[in-house]
Amino acid sequence: MILADYEKFLLLPEKDFADFQRPEPTLPRSPGHHAEWIAACKGGPPTMADFEYSGWLTEANHLGNVAYRTGKKIEWDYQNLRARNAPEAAPFIKRPSYRKGWEDILKG
């Protein structure tokens, strides 16, 4: 397991990786997502993890939860937002109904 934030990177359980040598950094280090976002808003460089990247990352994380809940490896159809091989995953991907007034907004 990997545990990481902006400054700390651990392989767990630590005792199993005590001799691990980290590679030299190849990507610039972030000052933190809040600082990056504020700099980008003020006309600075774009953030290293923009909305497109964040969307893909969030989708992958949520699909991991869907796979866990269904007990299956998910074959994801990203264009139609459905699990091709697991129809039982549908309730975890999209609610069957939404509150009045939200139906059209959430259809896209």
PDB file of N, CA and C in Angstrom:
ATOM      1  N   MET A   1       0.844  -1.160   0.000  1.00  0.00           N
ATOM      2  CA  MET A   1       0.000   0.000   0.000  1.00  0.00           C
ATOM      3  C   MET A   1       0.901   1.238   0.000  1.00  0.00           C
ATOM      4  N   ILE A   2       0.460   2.265  -0.695  1.00  0.00           N
ATOM      5  CA  ILE A   2       1.183   3.524  -0.730  1.00  0.00           C
ATOM      6  C   ILE A   2       0.389   4.556   0.054  1.00  0.00           C
ATOM      7  N   LEU A   3       1.068   5.277   0.933  1.00  0.00           N
ATOM      8  CA  LEU A   3       0.476   6.390   1.667  1.00  0.00           C
ATOM      9  C   LEU A   3       1.264   7.628   1.267  1.00  0.00           C
ATOM     10  N   ALA A   4       0.589   8.639   0.719  1.00  0.00           N
ATOM     11  CA  ALA A   4       1.316   9.797   0.216  1.00  0.00           C
ATOM     12  C   ALA A   4       0.519  11.074   0.413  1.00  0.00           C
ATOM     13  N   ASP A   5       1.261  12.158   0.622  1.00  0.00           N
ATOM     14  CA  ASP A   5       0.715  13.504   0.533  1.00  0.00           C
ATOM     15  C   ASP A   5       1.777  14.353  -0.165  1.00  0.00           C
ATOM     16  N   TYR A   6       1.774  15.644   0.028  1.00  0.00           N
ATOM     17  CA  TYR A   6       2.719  16.474  -0.716  1.00  0.00           C
ATOM     18  C   TYR A   6       4.176  16.267  -0.304  1.00  0.00           C
ATOM     19  N   GLU A   7       4.425  15.906   0.922  1.00  0.00           N
ATOM     20  CA  GLU A   7       5.794  15.778   1.404  1.00  0.00           C
ATOM     21  C   GLU A   7       6.167  14.383   1.894  1.00  0.00           C
ATOM     22  N   LYS A   8       5.187  13.538   2.138  1.00  0.00           N
ATOM     23  CA  LYS A   8       5.443  12.242   2.766  1.00  0.00           C
ATOM     24  C   LYS A   8       5.012  11.115   1.826  1.00  0.00           C
ATOM     25  N   PHE A   9       5.895  10.132   1.669  1.00  0.00           N
ATOM     26  CA  PHE A   9       5.619   8.994   0.800  1.00  0.00           C
ATOM     27  C   PHE A   9       6.035   7.734   1.552  1.00  0.00           C
ATOM     28  N   LEU A  10       5.094   6.850   1.849  1.00  0.00           N
ATOM     29  CA  LEU A  10       5.398   5.634   2.600  1.00  0.00           C
ATOM     30  C   LEU A  10       4.872   4.410   1.869  1.00  0.00           C
ATOM     31  N   LEU A  11       5.633   3.335   1.908  1.00  0.00           N
ATOM     32  CA  LEU A  11       5.164   2.033   1.451  1.00  0.00           C
ATOM     33  C   LEU A  11       4.845   1.241   2.714  1.00  0.00           C
ATOM     34  N   LEU A  12       3.653   0.692   2.766  1.00  0.00           N
ATOM     35  CA  LEU A  12       3.203  -0.009   3.972  1.00  0.00           C
ATOM     36  C   LEU A  12       2.988  -1.489   3.701  1.00  0.00           C
ATOM     37  N   PRO A  13       3.267  -2.341   4.643  1.00  0.00           N
ATOM     38  CA  PRO A  13       3.827  -2.065   5.963  1.00  0.00           C
ATOM     39  C   PRO A  13       5.301  -1.668   5.849  1.00  0.00           C
ATOM     40  N   GLU A  14       5.688  -0.650   6.601  1.00  0.00           N
ATOM     41  CA  GLU A  14       7.032  -0.065   6.494  1.00  0.00           C
ATOM     42  C   GLU A  14       8.144  -1.093   6.674  1.00  0.00           C
ATOM     43  N   LYS A  15       7.949  -2.058   7.569  1.00  0.00           N
ATOM     44  CA  LYS A  15       9.011  -3.049   7.830  1.00  0.00           C
ATOM     45  C   LYS A  15       9.322  -3.874   6.583  1.00  0.00           C
ATOM     46  N   ASP A  16       8.340  -4.086   5.706  1.00  0.00           N
ATOM     47  CA  ASP A  16       8.560  -4.868   4.486  1.00  0.00           C
ATOM     48  C   ASP A  16       9.333  -4.084   3.415  1.00  0.00           C
ATOM     49  N   PHE A  17       9.406  -2.776   3.568  1.00  0.00           N
ATOM     50  CA  PHE A  17      10.047  -1.940   2.553  1.00  0.00           C
ATOM     51  C   PHE A  17      11.182  -1.111   3.132  1.00  0.00           C
ATOM     52  N   ALA A  18      11.732  -1.546   4.237  1.00  0.00           N
ATOM     53  CA  ALA A  18      12.791  -0.790   4.924  1.00  0.00           C
ATOM     54  C   ALA A  18      13.997  -0.539   4.023  1.00  0.00           C
ATOM     55  N   ASP A  19      14.329  -1.433   3.122  1.00  0.00           N
ATOM     56  CA  ASP A  19      15.500  -1.294   2.253  1.00  0.00           C
ATOM     57  C   ASP A  19      15.191  -0.640   0.899  1.00  0.00           C
ATOM     58  N   PHE A  20      13.954  -0.254   0.682  1.00  0.00           N
ATOM     59  CA  PHE A  20      13.558   0.322  -0.610  1.00  0.00           C
ATOM     60  C   PHE A  20      14.249   1.670  -0.829  1.00  0.00           C
ATOM     61  N   GLN A  21      14.822   1.857  -2.005  1.00  0.00           N
ATOM     62  CA  GLN A  21      15.449   3.120  -2.387  1.00  0.00           C
ATOM     63  C   GLN A  21      14.515   3.847  -3.358  1.00  0.00           C
ATOM     64  N   ARG A  22      14.065   5.026  -2.967  1.00  0.00           N
ATOM     65  CA  ARG A  22      13.181   5.800  -3.833  1.00  0.00           C
ATOM     66  C   ARG A  22      13.927   6.309  -5.057  1.00  0.00           C
ATOM     67  N   PRO A  23      13.269   6.340  -6.213  1.00  0.00           N
ATOM     68  CA  PRO A  23      13.911   6.931  -7.396  1.00  0.00           C
ATOM     69  C   PRO A  23      14.016   8.445  -7.231  1.00  0.00           C
ATOM     70  N   GLU A  24      14.894   9.045  -8.008  1.00  0.00           N
ATOM     71  CA  GLU A  24      15.015  10.502  -7.999  1.00  0.00           C
ATOM     72  C   GLU A  24      13.719  11.115  -8.527  1.00  0.00           C
ATOM     73  N   PRO A  25      13.273  12.229  -7.955  1.00  0.00           N
ATOM     74  CA  PRO A  25      12.041  12.870  -8.444  1.00  0.00           C
ATOM     75  C   PRO A  25      12.177  13.300  -9.901  1.00  0.00           C
ATOM     76  N   THR A  26      11.121  13.090 -10.684  1.00  0.00           N
ATOM     77  CA  THR A  26      11.114  13.506 -12.085  1.00  0.00           C
ATOM     78  C   THR A  26      10.053  14.563 -12.361  1.00  0.00           C
ATOM     79  N   LEU A  27       9.119  14.740 -11.437  1.00  0.00           N
ATOM     80  CA  LEU A  27       8.068  15.740 -11.599  1.00  0.00           C
ATOM     81  C   LEU A  27       8.311  16.873 -10.608  1.00  0.00           C
ATOM     82  N   PRO A  28       7.947  18.097 -10.985  1.00  0.00           N
ATOM     83  CA  PRO A  28       8.091  19.189 -10.024  1.00  0.00           C
ATOM     84  C   PRO A  28       7.176  18.946  -8.826  1.00  0.00           C
ATOM     85  N   ARG A  29       7.597  19.351  -7.670  1.00  0.00           N
ATOM     86  CA  ARG A  29       6.806  19.186  -6.459  1.00  0.00           C
ATOM     87  C   ARG A  29       5.780  20.306  -6.355  1.00  0.00           C
ATOM     88  N   SER A  30       4.606  19.964  -5.908  1.00  0.00           N
ATOM     89  CA  SER A  30       3.521  20.915  -5.753  1.00  0.00           C
ATOM     90  C   SER A  30       3.658  21.674  -4.433  1.00  0.00           C
ATOM     91  N   PRO A  31       3.325  22.959  -4.446  1.00  0.00           N
ATOM     92  CA  PRO A  31       3.301  23.695  -3.186  1.00  0.00           C
ATOM     93  C   PRO A  31       2.041  23.391  -2.384  1.00  0.00           C
ATOM     94  N   GLY A  32       1.163  22.573  -2.946  1.00  0.00           N
ATOM     95  CA  GLY A  32      -0.123  22.239  -2.334  1.00  0.00           C
ATOM     96  C   GLY A  32      -1.238  22.655  -3.270  1.00  0.00           C
ATOM     97  N   HIS A  33      -2.332  21.897  -3.276  1.00  0.00           N
ATOM     98  CA  HIS A  33      -3.369  22.178  -4.270  1.00  0.00           C
ATOM     99  C   HIS A  33      -4.041  23.529  -4.057  1.00  0.00           C
ATOM    100  N   HIS A  34      -4.155  23.996  -2.807  1.00  0.00           N
ATOM    101  CA  HIS A  34      -4.747  25.324  -2.592  1.00  0.00           C
ATOM    102  C   HIS A  34      -3.857  26.423  -3.178  1.00  0.00           C
ATOM    103  N   ALA A  35      -2.568  26.342  -2.917  1.00  0.00           N
ATOM    104  CA  ALA A  35      -1.629  27.348  -3.439  1.00  0.00           C
ATOM    105  C   ALA A  35      -1.587  27.309  -4.968  1.00  0.00           C
ATOM    106  N   GLU A  36      -1.601  26.118  -5.559  1.00  0.00           N
ATOM    107  CA  GLU A  36      -1.617  26.004  -7.020  1.00  0.00           C
ATOM    108  C   GLU A  36      -2.871  26.638  -7.595  1.00  0.00           C
ATOM    109  N   TRP A  37      -4.013  26.349  -6.972  1.00  0.00           N
ATOM    110  CA  TRP A  37      -5.296  26.842  -7.469  1.00  0.00           C
ATOM    111  C   TRP A  37      -5.341  28.365  -7.417  1.00  0.00           C
ATOM    112  N   ILE A  38      -4.899  28.941  -6.314  1.00  0.00           N
ATOM    113  CA  ILE A  38      -4.907  30.398  -6.176  1.00  0.00           C
ATOM    114  C   ILE A  38      -3.979  31.031  -7.212  1.00  0.00           C
ATOM    115  N   ALA A  39      -2.777  30.448  -7.400  1.00  0.00           N
ATOM    116  CA  ALA A  39      -1.844  30.976  -8.399  1.00  0.00           C
ATOM    117  C   ALA A  39      -2.457  30.911  -9.798  1.00  0.00           C
ATOM    118  N   ALA A  40      -3.126  29.804 -10.124  1.00  0.00           N
ATOM    119  CA  ALA A  40      -3.756  29.662 -11.444  1.00  0.00           C
ATOM    120  C   ALA A  40      -4.880  30.685 -11.615  1.00  0.00           C
ATOM    121  N   CYS A  41      -5.670  30.917 -10.561  1.00  0.00           N
ATOM    122  CA  CYS A  41      -6.749  31.906 -10.627  1.00  0.00           C
ATOM    123  C   CYS A  41      -6.212  33.308 -10.875  1.00  0.00           C
ATOM    124  N   LYS A  42      -5.006  33.568 -10.390  1.00  0.00           N
ATOM    125  CA  LYS A  42      -4.398  34.890 -10.552  1.00  0.00           C
ATOM    126  C   LYS A  42      -3.604  35.010 -11.850  1.00  0.00           C
ATOM    127  N   GLY A  43      -3.753  34.038 -12.761  1.00  0.00           N
ATOM    128  CA  GLY A  43      -3.094  34.109 -14.058  1.00  0.00           C
ATOM    129  C   GLY A  43      -1.773  33.384 -14.134  1.00  0.00           C
ATOM    130  N   GLY A  44      -1.427  32.659 -13.086  1.00  0.00           N
ATOM    131  CA  GLY A  44      -0.179  31.907 -13.081  1.00  0.00           C
ATOM    132  C   GLY A  44      -0.303  30.639 -13.910  1.00  0.00           C
ATOM    133  N   PRO A  45       0.639  29.730 -13.747  1.00  0.00           N
ATOM    134  CA  PRO A  45       0.587  28.488 -14.521  1.00  0.00           C
ATOM    135  C   PRO A  45      -0.621  27.641 -14.126  1.00  0.00           C
ATOM    136  N   PRO A  46      -1.113  26.818 -15.050  1.00  0.00           N
ATOM    137  CA  PRO A  46      -2.233  25.944 -14.697  1.00  0.00           C
ATOM    138  C   PRO A  46      -1.818  24.960 -13.598  1.00  0.00           C
ATOM    139  N   THR A  47      -2.788  24.474 -12.874  1.00  0.00           N
ATOM    140  CA  THR A  47      -2.504  23.507 -11.817  1.00  0.00           C
ATOM    141  C   THR A  47      -2.010  22.194 -12.419  1.00  0.00           C
ATOM    142  N   MET A  48      -1.281  21.431 -11.625  1.00  0.00           N
ATOM    143  CA  MET A  48      -0.761  20.150 -12.106  1.00  0.00           C
ATOM    144  C   MET A  48      -1.873  19.103 -12.186  1.00  0.00           C
ATOM    145  N   ALA A  49      -2.942  19.277 -11.436  1.00  0.00           N
ATOM    146  CA  ALA A  49      -4.071  18.342 -11.456  1.00  0.00           C
ATOM    147  C   ALA A  49      -5.339  19.149 -11.707  1.00  0.00           C
ATOM    148  N   ASP A  50      -5.600  19.422 -12.982  1.00  0.00           N
ATOM    149  CA  ASP A  50      -6.766  20.221 -13.331  1.00  0.00           C
ATOM    150  C   ASP A  50      -8.053  19.405 -13.240  1.00  0.00           C
ATOM    151  N   PHE A  51      -9.167  20.002 -13.658  1.00  0.00           N
ATOM    152  CA  PHE A  51     -10.455  19.329 -13.535  1.00  0.00           C
ATOM    153  C   PHE A  51     -10.528  18.051 -14.366  1.00  0.00           C
ATOM    154  N   GLU A  52      -9.904  18.038 -15.541  1.00  0.00           N
ATOM    155  CA  GLU A  52      -9.926  16.823 -16.357  1.00  0.00           C
ATOM    156  C   GLU A  52      -9.228  15.682 -15.627  1.00  0.00           C
ATOM    157  N   TYR A  53      -8.037  15.944 -15.124  1.00  0.00           N
ATOM    158  CA  TYR A  53      -7.298  14.929 -14.369  1.00  0.00           C
ATOM    159  C   TYR A  53      -8.092  14.506 -13.134  1.00  0.00           C
ATOM    160  N   SER A  54      -8.624  15.478 -12.420  1.00  0.00           N
ATOM    161  CA  SER A  54      -9.382  15.175 -11.204  1.00  0.00           C
ATOM    162  C   SER A  54     -10.615  14.338 -11.518  1.00  0.00           C
ATOM    163  N   GLY A  55     -11.248  14.633 -12.626  1.00  0.00           N
ATOM    164  CA  GLY A  55     -12.431  13.858 -13.014  1.00  0.00           C
ATOM    165  C   GLY A  55     -12.096  12.400 -13.287  1.00  0.00           C
ATOM    166  N   TRP A  56     -11.016  12.183 -14.043  1.00  0.00           N
ATOM    167  CA  TRP A  56     -10.592  10.803 -14.338  1.00  0.00           C
ATOM    168  C   TRP A  56     -10.212  10.068 -13.054  1.00  0.00           C
ATOM    169  N   LEU A  57      -9.498  10.756 -12.175  1.00  0.00           N
ATOM    170  CA  LEU A  57      -9.077  10.144 -10.919  1.00  0.00           C
ATOM    171  C   LEU A  57     -10.285   9.791 -10.055  1.00  0.00           C
ATOM    172  N   THR A  58     -11.236  10.703  -9.960  1.00  0.00           N
ATOM    173  CA  THR A  58     -12.441  10.457  -9.161  1.00  0.00           C
ATOM    174  C   THR A  58     -13.247   9.302  -9.748  1.00  0.00           C
ATOM    175  N   GLU A  59     -13.377   9.265 -11.073  1.00  0.00           N
ATOM    176  CA  GLU A  59     -14.111   8.184 -11.726  1.00  0.00           C
ATOM    177  C   GLU A  59     -13.453   6.834 -11.428  1.00  0.00           C
ATOM    178  N   ALA A  60     -12.144   6.773 -11.528  1.00  0.00           N
ATOM    179  CA  ALA A  60     -11.428   5.525 -11.247  1.00  0.00           C
ATOM    180  C   ALA A  60     -11.617   5.094  -9.797  1.00  0.00           C
ATOM    181  N   ASN A  61     -11.550   6.043  -8.874  1.00  0.00           N
ATOM    182  CA  ASN A  61     -11.752   5.708  -7.466  1.00  0.00           C
ATOM    183  C   ASN A  61     -13.167   5.204  -7.202  1.00  0.00           C
ATOM    184  N   HIS A  62     -14.145   5.877  -7.751  1.00  0.00           N
ATOM    185  CA  HIS A  62     -15.527   5.439  -7.549  1.00  0.00           C
ATOM    186  C   HIS A  62     -15.773   4.058  -8.166  1.00  0.00           C
ATOM    187  N   LEU A  63     -15.161   3.806  -9.322  1.00  0.00           N
ATOM    188  CA  LEU A  63     -15.338   2.497  -9.945  1.00  0.00           C
ATOM    189  C   LEU A  63     -14.707   1.393  -9.104  1.00  0.00           C
ATOM    190  N   GLY A  64     -13.645   1.718  -8.397  1.00  0.00           N
ATOM    191  CA  GLY A  64     -13.075   0.751  -7.456  1.00  0.00           C
ATOM    192  C   GLY A  64     -14.089   0.384  -6.384  1.00  0.00           C
ATOM    193  N   ASN A  65     -14.824   1.371  -5.899  1.00  0.00           N
ATOM    194  CA  ASN A  65     -15.872   1.097  -4.906  1.00  0.00           C
ATOM    195  C   ASN A  65     -17.014   0.282  -5.506  1.00  0.00           C
ATOM    196  N   VAL A  66     -17.367   0.585  -6.752  1.00  0.00           N
ATOM    197  CA  VAL A  66     -18.421  -0.186  -7.432  1.00  0.00           C
ATOM    198  C   VAL A  66     -17.983  -1.639  -7.590  1.00  0.00           C
ATOM    199  N   ALA A  67     -16.746  -1.854  -8.011  1.00  0.00           N
ATOM    200  CA  ALA A  67     -16.229  -3.215  -8.165  1.00  0.00           C
ATOM    201  C   ALA A  67     -16.247  -3.953  -6.830  1.00  0.00           C
ATOM    202  N   TYR A  68     -15.860  -3.258  -5.776  1.00  0.00           N
ATOM    203  CA  TYR A  68     -15.864  -3.870  -4.446  1.00  0.00           C
ATOM    204  C   TYR A  68     -17.280  -4.260  -4.035  1.00  0.00           C
ATOM    205  N   ARG A  69     -18.235  -3.372  -4.258  1.00  0.00           N
ATOM    206  CA  ARG A  69     -19.618  -3.635  -3.841  1.00  0.00           C
ATOM    207  C   ARG A  69     -20.278  -4.741  -4.662  1.00  0.00           C
ATOM    208  N   THR A  70     -19.909  -4.852  -5.934  1.00  0.00           N
ATOM    209  CA  THR A  70     -20.501  -5.903  -6.766  1.00  0.00           C
ATOM    210  C   THR A  70     -19.718  -7.208  -6.681  1.00  0.00           C
ATOM    211  N   GLY A  71     -18.483  -7.123  -6.204  1.00  0.00           N
ATOM    212  CA  GLY A  71     -17.642  -8.318  -6.136  1.00  0.00           C
ATOM    213  C   GLY A  71     -17.136  -8.761  -7.497  1.00  0.00           C
ATOM    214  N   LYS A  72     -17.090  -7.824  -8.449  1.00  0.00           N
ATOM    215  CA  LYS A  72     -16.668  -8.148  -9.816  1.00  0.00           C
ATOM    216  C   LYS A  72     -15.644  -7.151 -10.329  1.00  0.00           C
ATOM    217  N   LYS A  73     -14.812  -7.624 -11.261  1.00  0.00           N
ATOM    218  CA  LYS A  73     -13.960  -6.723 -12.023  1.00  0.00           C
ATOM    219  C   LYS A  73     -14.878  -6.025 -13.023  1.00  0.00           C
ATOM    220  N   ILE A  74     -14.831  -4.705 -13.032  1.00  0.00           N
ATOM    221  CA  ILE A  74     -15.749  -3.927 -13.865  1.00  0.00           C
ATOM    222  C   ILE A  74     -15.158  -3.692 -15.252  1.00  0.00           C
ATOM    223  N   GLU A  75     -15.946  -3.979 -16.285  1.00  0.00           N
ATOM    224  CA  GLU A  75     -15.608  -3.611 -17.665  1.00  0.00           C
ATOM    225  C   GLU A  75     -16.358  -2.318 -17.947  1.00  0.00           C
ATOM    226  N   TRP A  76     -15.647  -1.184 -17.856  1.00  0.00           N
ATOM    227  CA  TRP A  76     -16.285   0.124 -17.875  1.00  0.00           C
ATOM    228  C   TRP A  76     -16.467   0.665 -19.282  1.00  0.00           C
ATOM    229  N   ASP A  77     -17.697   1.026 -19.611  1.00  0.00           N
ATOM    230  CA  ASP A  77     -18.044   1.692 -20.865  1.00  0.00           C
ATOM    231  C   ASP A  77     -18.155   3.175 -20.543  1.00  0.00           C
ATOM    232  N   TYR A  78     -17.049   3.907 -20.724  1.00  0.00           N
ATOM    233  CA  TYR A  78     -17.013   5.304 -20.300  1.00  0.00           C
ATOM    234  C   TYR A  78     -17.927   6.197 -21.130  1.00  0.00           C
ATOM    235  N   GLN A  79     -18.194   5.815 -22.374  1.00  0.00           N
ATOM    236  CA  GLN A  79     -19.048   6.653 -23.210  1.00  0.00           C
ATOM    237  C   GLN A  79     -20.505   6.599 -22.771  1.00  0.00           C
ATOM    238  N   ASN A  80     -20.928   5.438 -22.281  1.00  0.00           N
ATOM    239  CA  ASN A  80     -22.318   5.275 -21.844  1.00  0.00           C
ATOM    240  C   ASN A  80     -22.461   5.230 -20.327  1.00  0.00           C
ATOM    241  N   LEU A  81     -21.354   5.406 -19.620  1.00  0.00           N
ATOM    242  CA  LEU A  81     -21.331   5.417 -18.160  1.00  0.00           C
ATOM    243  C   LEU A  81     -22.051   4.210 -17.562  1.00  0.00           C
ATOM    244  N   ARG A  82     -21.570   3.030 -17.961  1.00  0.00           N
ATOM    245  CA  ARG A  82     -22.161   1.804 -17.420  1.00  0.00           C
ATOM    246  C   ARG A  82     -21.115   0.689 -17.378  1.00  0.00           C
ATOM    247  N   ALA A  83     -21.371  -0.285 -16.522  1.00  0.00           N
ATOM    248  CA  ALA A  83     -20.507  -1.459 -16.434  1.00  0.00           C
ATOM    249  C   ALA A  83     -21.069  -2.494 -17.409  1.00  0.00           C
ATOM    250  N   ARG A  84     -20.317  -2.794 -18.467  1.00  0.00           N
ATOM    251  CA  ARG A  84     -20.811  -3.718 -19.499  1.00  0.00           C
ATOM    252  C   ARG A  84     -21.125  -5.100 -18.946  1.00  0.00           C
ATOM    253  N   ASN A  85     -20.319  -5.559 -18.005  1.00  0.00           N
ATOM    254  CA  ASN A  85     -20.442  -6.933 -17.529  1.00  0.00           C
ATOM    255  C   ASN A  85     -21.169  -7.061 -16.193  1.00  0.00           C
ATOM    256  N   ALA A  86     -21.687  -5.966 -15.661  1.00  0.00           N
ATOM    257  CA  ALA A  86     -22.302  -6.036 -14.328  1.00  0.00           C
ATOM    258  C   ALA A  86     -23.515  -5.122 -14.244  1.00  0.00           C
ATOM    259  N   PRO A  87     -24.653  -5.579 -14.750  1.00  0.00           N
ATOM    260  CA  PRO A  87     -25.848  -4.730 -14.657  1.00  0.00           C
ATOM    261  C   PRO A  87     -26.235  -4.418 -13.210  1.00  0.00           C
ATOM    262  N   GLU A  88     -25.817  -5.282 -12.283  1.00  0.00           N
ATOM    263  CA  GLU A  88     -26.132  -5.034 -10.872  1.00  0.00           C
ATOM    264  C   GLU A  88     -25.364  -3.836 -10.309  1.00  0.00           C
ATOM    265  N   ALA A  89     -24.418  -3.312 -11.083  1.00  0.00           N
ATOM    266  CA  ALA A  89     -23.658  -2.141 -10.647  1.00  0.00           C
ATOM    267  C   ALA A  89     -24.426  -0.842 -10.881  1.00  0.00           C
ATOM    268  N   ALA A  90     -25.451  -0.889 -11.707  1.00  0.00           N
ATOM    269  CA  ALA A  90     -26.170   0.332 -12.094  1.00  0.00           C
ATOM    270  C   ALA A  90     -26.619   1.204 -10.920  1.00  0.00           C
ATOM    271  N   PRO A  91     -27.180   0.644  -9.845  1.00  0.00           N
ATOM    272  CA  PRO A  91     -27.601   1.517  -8.735  1.00  0.00           C
ATOM    273  C   PRO A  91     -26.445   2.241  -8.044  1.00  0.00           C
ATOM    274  N   PHE A  92     -25.238   1.715  -8.158  1.00  0.00           N
ATOM    275  CA  PHE A  92     -24.082   2.368  -7.549  1.00  0.00           C
ATOM    276  C   PHE A  92     -23.507   3.457  -8.450  1.00  0.00           C
ATOM    277  N   ILE A  93     -23.874   3.424  -9.726  1.00  0.00           N
ATOM    278  CA  ILE A  93     -23.340   4.368 -10.702  1.00  0.00           C
ATOM    279  C   ILE A  93     -24.261   5.578 -10.865  1.00  0.00           C
ATOM    280  N   LYS A  94     -25.552   5.314 -10.919  1.00  0.00           N
ATOM    281  CA  LYS A  94     -26.522   6.393 -11.095  1.00  0.00           C
ATOM    282  C   LYS A  94     -27.778   6.063 -10.311  1.00  0.00           C
ATOM    283  N   ARG A  95     -28.323   7.057  -9.668  1.00  0.00           N
ATOM    284  CA  ARG A  95     -29.559   6.847  -8.914  1.00  0.00           C
ATOM    285  C   ARG A  95     -30.718   6.598  -9.881  1.00  0.00           C
ATOM    286  N   PRO A  96     -31.665   5.765  -9.474  1.00  0.00           N
ATOM    287  CA  PRO A  96     -32.799   5.505 -10.371  1.00  0.00           C
ATOM    288  C   PRO A  96     -33.697   6.736 -10.552  1.00  0.00           C
ATOM    289  N   SER A  97     -33.749   7.620  -9.565  1.00  0.00           N
ATOM    290  CA  SER A  97     -34.551   8.836  -9.709  1.00  0.00           C
ATOM    291  C   SER A  97     -33.931   9.948  -8.870  1.00  0.00           C
ATOM    292  N   TYR A  98     -34.242  11.146  -9.254  1.00  0.00           N
ATOM    293  CA  TYR A  98     -33.729  12.323  -8.567  1.00  0.00           C
ATOM    294  C   TYR A  98     -34.889  13.179  -8.079  1.00  0.00           C
ATOM    295  N   ARG A  99     -34.623  14.055  -7.134  1.00  0.00           N
ATOM    296  CA  ARG A  99     -35.659  14.944  -6.619  1.00  0.00           C
ATOM    297  C   ARG A  99     -36.175  15.852  -7.724  1.00  0.00           C
ATOM    298  N   LYS A 100     -37.419  16.257  -7.582  1.00  0.00           N
ATOM    299  CA  LYS A 100     -38.056  17.128  -8.565  1.00  0.00           C
ATOM    300  C   LYS A 100     -37.220  18.383  -8.783  1.00  0.00           C
ATOM    301  N   GLY A 101     -37.026  18.727 -10.056  1.00  0.00           N
ATOM    302  CA  GLY A 101     -36.255  19.894 -10.423  1.00  0.00           C
ATOM    303  C   GLY A 101     -34.821  19.574 -10.828  1.00  0.00           C
ATOM    304  N   TRP A 102     -34.318  18.399 -10.479  1.00  0.00           N
ATOM    305  CA  TRP A 102     -32.948  18.019 -10.798  1.00  0.00           C
ATOM    306  C   TRP A 102     -32.869  17.066 -12.001  1.00  0.00           C
ATOM    307  N   GLU A 103     -33.993  16.540 -12.440  1.00  0.00           N
ATOM    308  CA  GLU A 103     -33.980  15.519 -13.492  1.00  0.00           C
ATOM    309  C   GLU A 103     -33.279  16.005 -14.763  1.00  0.00           C
ATOM    310  N   ASP A 104     -33.678  17.154 -15.276  1.00  0.00           N
ATOM    311  CA  ASP A 104     -33.127  17.664 -16.530  1.00  0.00           C
ATOM    312  C   ASP A 104     -31.673  18.101 -16.374  1.00  0.00           C
ATOM    313  N   ILE A 105     -31.331  18.670 -15.245  1.00  0.00           N
ATOM    314  CA  ILE A 105     -29.981  19.139 -15.003  1.00  0.00           C
ATOM    315  C   ILE A 105     -29.006  17.956 -15.026  1.00  0.00           C
ATOM    316  N   LEU A 106     -29.374  16.861 -14.401  1.00  0.00           N
ATOM    317  CA  LEU A 106     -28.479  15.716 -14.272  1.00  0.00           C
ATOM    318  C   LEU A 106     -28.430  14.830 -15.511  1.00  0.00           C
ATOM    319  N   LYS A 107     -29.343  15.024 -16.451  1.00  0.00           N
ATOM    320  CA  LYS A 107     -29.305  14.262 -17.704  1.00  0.00           C
ATOM    321  C   LYS A 107     -28.155  14.727 -18.589  1.00  0.00           C
ATOM    322  N   GLY A 108     -27.702  15.948 -18.380  1.00  0.00           N
ATOM    323  CA  GLY A 108     -26.581  16.484 -19.167  1.00  0.00           C
ATOM    324  C   GLY A 108     -27.052  17.081 -20.410  1.00  0.00           C
TER     325      GLY A 108
END
